[in-house]
Amino acid sequence: MMPFAIVAHSATETNLALASAWRSNESYGVLDPREALRVLRPGDVVLARLDVRRTLDGVERGLSDLVELERRGVRVLNRPEALLAGHDKLLCARLLESGLVPTPWTRFLSDDWSELASLLPLVIKPRFGSWGVDVFRVDEIRELNQLTRELVGRAWLERGGAIAQELIPPIGFDLRVLVVHGTVAGAVRRRTSDGEWRTNVSCGAQRIAETIEPRAARMALEAAEMTCLELAVVDVMPLPEGGFCVLEVNAAPDFGLEYNNDENVFDVVIEQIELAAETGSRLSALDAA
């Protein structure tokens, strides 16, 4: 059994559970990227779980360290290019579109937002965002004008930029599909709290175990494949007229036991990670493109 490590900056419950589920005693646990460079050796296996920065202006430090680990012969799953493809919402949208995966139209926002008036309603969010922070629904021109003034001086807007996306009519919930090495490991329904349209748990949404419909599962698998992430959570939204679309792919998702009522979800994930390590990681998203 190959020695294993989670490379991340935070020892979250998810990261600790994944490290503990490795089926041998040769687990380094959770290492930050610089620690990983010091202790890992050729043939070791890494699951990279660098997240977006709390400042919402890019990916956490360590992408270049992952490149160096690969150069030294460490097997890196969720390679740096794949992490970037998941965290950069504009790049992710372009990859989904290129793979003909149904997804809201997405555009990068320049300094002139006046063209958005004819596209309402829409959602405006950071290009590198998470946790529902600074995600705004805009239905009317006055709201757009107010938001333009409100966001002046936001550091993430100056450094990473913002995107505008088509608003998919909220129905009170969405689906989170956990994908690992080309298989669905579990899913939950995120139900919004009263008076809230965002489905983020950090915004009060509840996670409820879900048996995923085959069409939604296939769409989630296709979306994860376009980013080349070995482990990802795909946000799938049912459409009012029927069918589904993919809202985004999450490259460093938190998840828990509620994702799978039949098996321990961390054991399921690690079993597939072991298979991925044995067969080799997929091409990076940029290589695939």
Protein backbone atom coordinates (compact mmCIF):
# COMPACT_ATOMS: atom_id res chain seq x y z
CA MET A 1 0.00 0.00 0.00
CA MET A 2 1.44 3.34 -1.09
CA PRO A 3 1.99 6.05 1.56
CA PHE A 4 -0.72 8.71 1.31
CA ALA A 5 -1.26 12.35 2.27
CA ILE A 6 -3.90 15.02 1.94
CA VAL A 7 -2.24 18.27 0.85
CA ALA A 8 -4.25 21.18 2.20
CA HIS A 9 -3.88 24.25 4.37
CA SER A 10 -6.72 23.31 6.73
CA ALA A 11 -7.28 20.16 8.78
CA THR A 12 -11.03 20.23 8.17
CA GLU A 13 -13.29 17.40 9.28
CA THR A 14 -13.46 16.21 5.67
CA ASN A 15 -9.68 16.25 5.20
CA LEU A 16 -9.06 14.43 8.49
CA ALA A 17 -11.70 11.81 7.69
CA LEU A 18 -10.20 11.17 4.25
CA ALA A 19 -6.69 10.81 5.70
CA SER A 20 -7.95 8.43 8.39
CA ALA A 21 -9.79 6.26 5.87
CA TRP A 22 -6.60 5.27 4.03
CA ARG A 23 -6.49 1.52 4.43
CA SER A 24 -2.97 1.17 5.73
CA ASN A 25 -0.91 2.73 8.51
CA GLU A 26 1.11 4.65 5.95
CA SER A 27 -0.83 7.89 6.02
CA TYR A 28 0.93 11.19 6.63
CA GLY A 29 -2.40 12.79 7.45
CA VAL A 30 -2.92 16.39 6.35
CA LEU A 31 0.20 18.24 5.15
CA ASP A 32 0.50 21.77 3.89
CA PRO A 33 2.30 22.05 0.52
CA ARG A 34 5.70 22.95 1.96
CA GLU A 35 5.53 20.09 4.47
CA ALA A 36 4.65 17.76 1.62
CA LEU A 37 7.79 18.81 -0.25
CA ARG A 38 9.90 18.00 2.81
CA VAL A 39 8.54 14.57 3.67
CA LEU A 40 7.01 12.90 0.59
CA ARG A 41 8.99 10.55 -1.62
CA PRO A 42 8.65 9.16 -5.16
CA GLY A 43 5.73 6.72 -5.35
CA ASP A 44 3.80 8.35 -2.50
CA VAL A 45 0.22 9.38 -3.24
CA VAL A 46 -1.24 12.85 -2.71
CA LEU A 47 -4.83 14.02 -2.87
CA ALA A 48 -4.54 17.77 -3.38
CA ARG A 49 -7.28 19.81 -1.70
CA LEU A 50 -6.10 23.39 -1.98
CA ASP A 51 -9.11 25.68 -1.69
CA VAL A 52 -9.82 29.21 -2.82
CA ARG A 53 -8.39 31.93 -0.63
CA ARG A 54 -10.67 33.45 1.97
CA THR A 55 -10.05 36.76 0.21
CA LEU A 56 -11.81 35.27 -2.88
CA ASP A 57 -9.07 36.42 -5.26
CA GLY A 58 -7.46 33.13 -6.28
CA VAL A 59 -6.37 29.66 -5.20
CA GLU A 60 -4.46 29.07 -1.97
CA ARG A 61 -0.68 28.98 -2.12
CA GLY A 62 0.81 25.69 -3.22
CA LEU A 63 -0.01 25.01 -6.88
CA SER A 64 3.67 25.30 -7.82
CA ASP A 65 4.55 22.94 -4.94
CA LEU A 66 2.19 20.35 -6.43
CA VAL A 67 3.99 20.72 -9.75
CA GLU A 68 7.29 20.09 -7.97
CA LEU A 69 5.89 17.05 -6.18
CA GLU A 70 4.88 15.60 -9.55
CA ARG A 71 8.35 16.31 -10.93
CA ARG A 72 9.84 14.34 -8.03
CA GLY A 73 7.69 11.31 -8.79
CA VAL A 74 4.88 11.78 -6.26
CA ARG A 75 1.47 10.73 -7.62
CA VAL A 76 -0.72 13.83 -7.36
CA LEU A 77 -4.49 13.39 -7.71
CA ASN A 78 -6.46 16.57 -8.31
CA ARG A 79 -3.51 17.97 -10.21
CA PRO A 80 -2.82 21.73 -10.10
CA GLU A 81 -4.40 22.37 -13.51
CA ALA A 82 -7.51 20.45 -12.50
CA LEU A 83 -7.79 22.37 -9.22
CA LEU A 84 -7.57 25.62 -11.14
CA ALA A 85 -10.22 24.40 -13.59
CA GLY A 86 -12.60 23.78 -10.68
CA HIS A 87 -11.88 26.91 -8.68
CA ASP A 88 -11.85 29.40 -11.57
CA LYS A 89 -15.56 29.72 -12.28
CA LEU A 90 -15.01 31.34 -15.65
CA LEU A 91 -12.62 28.60 -16.83
CA CYS A 92 -14.95 25.94 -15.42
CA ALA A 93 -17.90 27.37 -17.34
CA ARG A 94 -15.90 27.41 -20.57
CA LEU A 95 -14.85 23.78 -20.08
CA LEU A 96 -18.44 22.72 -19.40
CA GLU A 97 -19.61 24.56 -22.51
CA SER A 98 -16.89 22.92 -24.61
CA GLY A 99 -18.08 19.52 -23.38
CA LEU A 100 -21.71 20.38 -24.17
CA VAL A 101 -22.65 20.09 -20.50
CA PRO A 102 -25.76 22.25 -19.87
CA THR A 103 -24.70 25.18 -17.69
CA PRO A 104 -25.79 28.82 -17.21
CA TRP A 105 -24.20 31.24 -19.67
CA THR A 106 -21.28 32.96 -18.01
CA ARG A 107 -19.26 36.04 -18.89
CA PHE A 108 -16.38 37.95 -17.34
CA LEU A 109 -17.33 41.44 -16.21
CA SER A 110 -15.38 44.34 -17.57
CA ASP A 111 -15.41 47.81 -16.01
CA ASP A 112 -18.58 48.68 -17.92
CA TRP A 113 -21.58 46.86 -16.47
CA SER A 114 -24.19 48.80 -18.46
CA GLU A 115 -24.56 45.94 -20.97
CA LEU A 116 -25.93 43.76 -18.18
CA ALA A 117 -29.17 45.72 -18.00
CA SER A 118 -30.58 43.82 -21.00
CA LEU A 119 -29.61 40.44 -19.50
CA LEU A 120 -31.46 40.59 -16.18
CA PRO A 121 -32.17 38.61 -14.08
CA LEU A 122 -28.68 37.29 -13.35
CA VAL A 123 -26.20 36.37 -10.65
CA ILE A 124 -22.98 38.29 -9.98
CA LYS A 125 -20.22 36.60 -8.03
CA PRO A 126 -16.42 36.51 -7.59
CA ARG A 127 -14.50 34.61 -10.25
CA PHE A 128 -12.85 32.69 -7.40
CA GLY A 129 -15.66 32.35 -4.88
CA SER A 130 -17.03 29.97 -2.29
CA TRP A 131 -19.35 29.67 0.70
CA GLY A 132 -21.93 31.94 -0.95
CA VAL A 133 -19.89 35.01 0.01
CA ASP A 134 -20.55 38.09 -2.13
CA VAL A 135 -22.94 36.22 -4.43
CA PHE A 136 -25.70 38.58 -5.52
CA ARG A 137 -28.98 38.03 -7.32
CA VAL A 138 -29.90 40.99 -9.51
CA ASP A 139 -33.44 41.22 -10.86
CA GLU A 140 -33.81 44.93 -11.61
CA ILE A 141 -31.71 47.76 -13.03
CA ARG A 142 -31.82 49.68 -9.73
CA GLU A 143 -30.33 46.64 -7.96
CA LEU A 144 -27.59 46.49 -10.59
CA ASN A 145 -26.76 50.17 -10.14
CA GLN A 146 -26.71 49.78 -6.37
CA LEU A 147 -24.44 46.75 -6.57
CA THR A 148 -22.05 48.57 -8.89
CA ARG A 149 -21.56 51.17 -6.17
CA GLU A 150 -21.47 48.63 -3.33
CA LEU A 151 -18.64 46.58 -4.82
CA VAL A 152 -16.28 49.50 -5.38
CA GLY A 153 -13.06 48.79 -3.49
CA ARG A 154 -13.62 45.06 -3.05
CA ALA A 155 -10.14 43.54 -3.18
CA TRP A 156 -11.33 40.37 -4.92
CA LEU A 157 -12.96 42.44 -7.67
CA GLU A 158 -9.70 44.23 -8.43
CA ARG A 159 -7.51 41.11 -8.27
CA GLY A 160 -9.61 38.21 -9.55
CA GLY A 161 -12.57 39.93 -11.12
CA ALA A 162 -16.27 39.13 -11.19
CA ILE A 163 -18.49 37.05 -13.43
CA ALA A 164 -22.13 37.36 -14.40
CA GLN A 165 -24.23 34.23 -14.85
CA GLU A 166 -27.69 33.48 -16.07
CA LEU A 167 -30.09 33.08 -13.15
CA ILE A 168 -31.59 29.62 -13.12
CA PRO A 169 -35.00 30.07 -11.42
CA PRO A 170 -34.56 28.94 -7.79
CA ILE A 171 -36.84 26.11 -6.68
CA GLY A 172 -35.73 25.93 -3.04
CA PHE A 173 -33.06 23.26 -3.43
CA ASP A 174 -30.26 21.91 -5.58
CA LEU A 175 -28.33 18.64 -5.75
CA ARG A 176 -24.71 18.10 -4.72
CA VAL A 177 -23.23 15.05 -6.38
CA LEU A 178 -19.98 13.62 -5.02
CA VAL A 179 -17.85 12.26 -7.85
CA VAL A 180 -14.61 10.31 -7.37
CA HIS A 181 -12.53 8.74 -10.14
CA GLY A 182 -15.41 8.63 -12.58
CA THR A 183 -18.01 7.21 -10.19
CA VAL A 184 -20.78 8.73 -8.07
CA ALA A 185 -20.00 8.15 -4.38
CA GLY A 186 -23.10 9.87 -3.00
CA ALA A 187 -25.32 12.91 -3.13
CA VAL A 188 -27.36 15.29 -1.02
CA ARG A 189 -30.15 17.74 -1.58
CA ARG A 190 -29.40 21.24 -0.25
CA ARG A 191 -32.64 22.86 0.88
CA THR A 192 -32.61 26.61 1.32
CA SER A 193 -33.54 28.33 4.55
CA ASP A 194 -36.60 30.59 4.75
CA GLY A 195 -36.14 33.80 2.79
CA GLU A 196 -32.86 32.68 1.20
CA TRP A 197 -32.28 31.72 -2.45
CA ARG A 198 -28.66 30.54 -2.11
CA THR A 199 -28.22 26.85 -1.36
CA ASN A 200 -24.93 27.13 0.52
CA VAL A 201 -24.84 25.50 3.94
CA SER A 202 -23.00 28.60 5.16
CA CYS A 203 -26.16 30.53 4.22
CA GLY A 204 -28.39 28.28 6.30
CA ALA A 205 -29.24 25.51 3.83
CA GLN A 206 -29.80 21.98 5.13
CA ARG A 207 -28.20 18.88 3.60
CA ILE A 208 -30.53 15.92 3.13
CA ALA A 209 -29.45 12.52 1.80
CA GLU A 210 -30.57 12.04 -1.79
CA THR A 211 -30.86 9.12 -4.19
CA ILE A 212 -29.61 10.71 -7.36
CA GLU A 213 -31.59 10.37 -10.59
CA PRO A 214 -29.57 8.69 -13.38
CA ARG A 215 -29.77 11.73 -15.68
CA ALA A 216 -28.37 14.00 -13.00
CA ALA A 217 -25.66 11.46 -12.14
CA ARG A 218 -24.53 11.26 -15.78
CA MET A 219 -24.42 15.04 -16.03
CA ALA A 220 -22.32 15.27 -12.85
CA LEU A 221 -19.89 12.66 -14.18
CA GLU A 222 -19.56 14.54 -17.46
CA ALA A 223 -18.90 17.81 -15.64
CA ALA A 224 -16.22 16.31 -13.40
CA GLU A 225 -14.59 14.72 -16.42
CA MET A 226 -14.28 18.09 -18.15
CA THR A 227 -12.23 19.45 -15.23
CA CYS A 228 -10.20 16.20 -14.86
CA LEU A 229 -10.69 16.26 -11.09
CA GLU A 230 -10.40 12.88 -9.41
CA LEU A 231 -12.51 14.11 -6.47
CA ALA A 232 -15.13 16.81 -6.86
CA VAL A 233 -18.63 17.82 -5.90
CA VAL A 234 -20.86 18.91 -8.76
CA ASP A 235 -23.77 21.27 -8.11
CA VAL A 236 -26.73 20.21 -10.25
CA MET A 237 -29.91 22.24 -10.52
CA PRO A 238 -33.25 20.78 -11.65
CA LEU A 239 -34.86 23.00 -14.27
CA PRO A 240 -38.49 24.14 -13.94
CA GLU A 241 -39.34 22.78 -17.39
CA GLY A 242 -37.62 19.47 -16.67
CA GLY A 243 -34.08 18.25 -17.00
CA PHE A 244 -30.98 19.53 -15.20
CA CYS A 245 -28.05 21.88 -15.57
CA VAL A 246 -24.66 22.06 -13.83
CA LEU A 247 -24.14 25.22 -11.81
CA GLU A 248 -20.48 24.58 -10.97
CA VAL A 249 -17.83 22.02 -10.07
CA ASN A 250 -16.22 22.26 -6.63
CA ALA A 251 -12.55 21.29 -6.46
CA ALA A 252 -12.07 21.08 -2.68
CA PRO A 253 -15.53 20.29 -1.31
CA ASP A 254 -16.45 19.50 2.26
CA PHE A 255 -18.80 16.56 2.62
CA GLY A 256 -19.99 14.19 5.34
CA LEU A 257 -21.54 10.84 6.08
CA GLU A 258 -24.97 12.07 5.01
CA TYR A 259 -23.86 11.79 1.37
CA ASN A 260 -24.29 8.00 1.44
CA ASN A 261 -26.78 6.14 3.66
CA ASP A 262 -25.65 2.69 2.51
CA GLU A 263 -21.88 2.88 2.98
CA ASN A 264 -19.29 5.01 4.75
CA VAL A 265 -18.73 7.67 2.13
CA PHE A 266 -15.09 8.21 3.13
CA ASP A 267 -14.34 4.51 2.65
CA VAL A 268 -16.00 4.65 -0.77
CA VAL A 269 -13.97 7.70 -1.76
CA ILE A 270 -10.66 6.29 -0.57
CA GLU A 271 -11.26 2.98 -2.36
CA GLN A 272 -11.63 4.91 -5.62
CA ILE A 273 -8.64 7.14 -4.82
CA GLU A 274 -6.54 3.99 -4.42
CA LEU A 275 -7.70 2.83 -7.85
CA ALA A 276 -6.88 6.22 -9.33
CA ALA A 277 -3.40 6.08 -7.80
CA GLU A 278 -2.80 2.64 -9.27
CA THR A 279 -3.98 3.57 -12.76
CA GLY A 280 -2.51 7.08 -12.81
CA SER A 281 -4.27 10.43 -12.75
CA ARG A 282 -6.08 11.76 -15.77
CA LEU A 283 -4.75 14.41 -18.11
CA SER A 284 -4.93 17.91 -16.75
CA ALA A 285 -7.83 20.07 -17.86
CA LEU A 286 -5.52 22.25 -19.93
CA ASP A 287 -3.88 19.20 -21.53
CA ALA A 288 -7.33 17.84 -22.38
CA ALA A 289 -8.38 21.15 -23.90
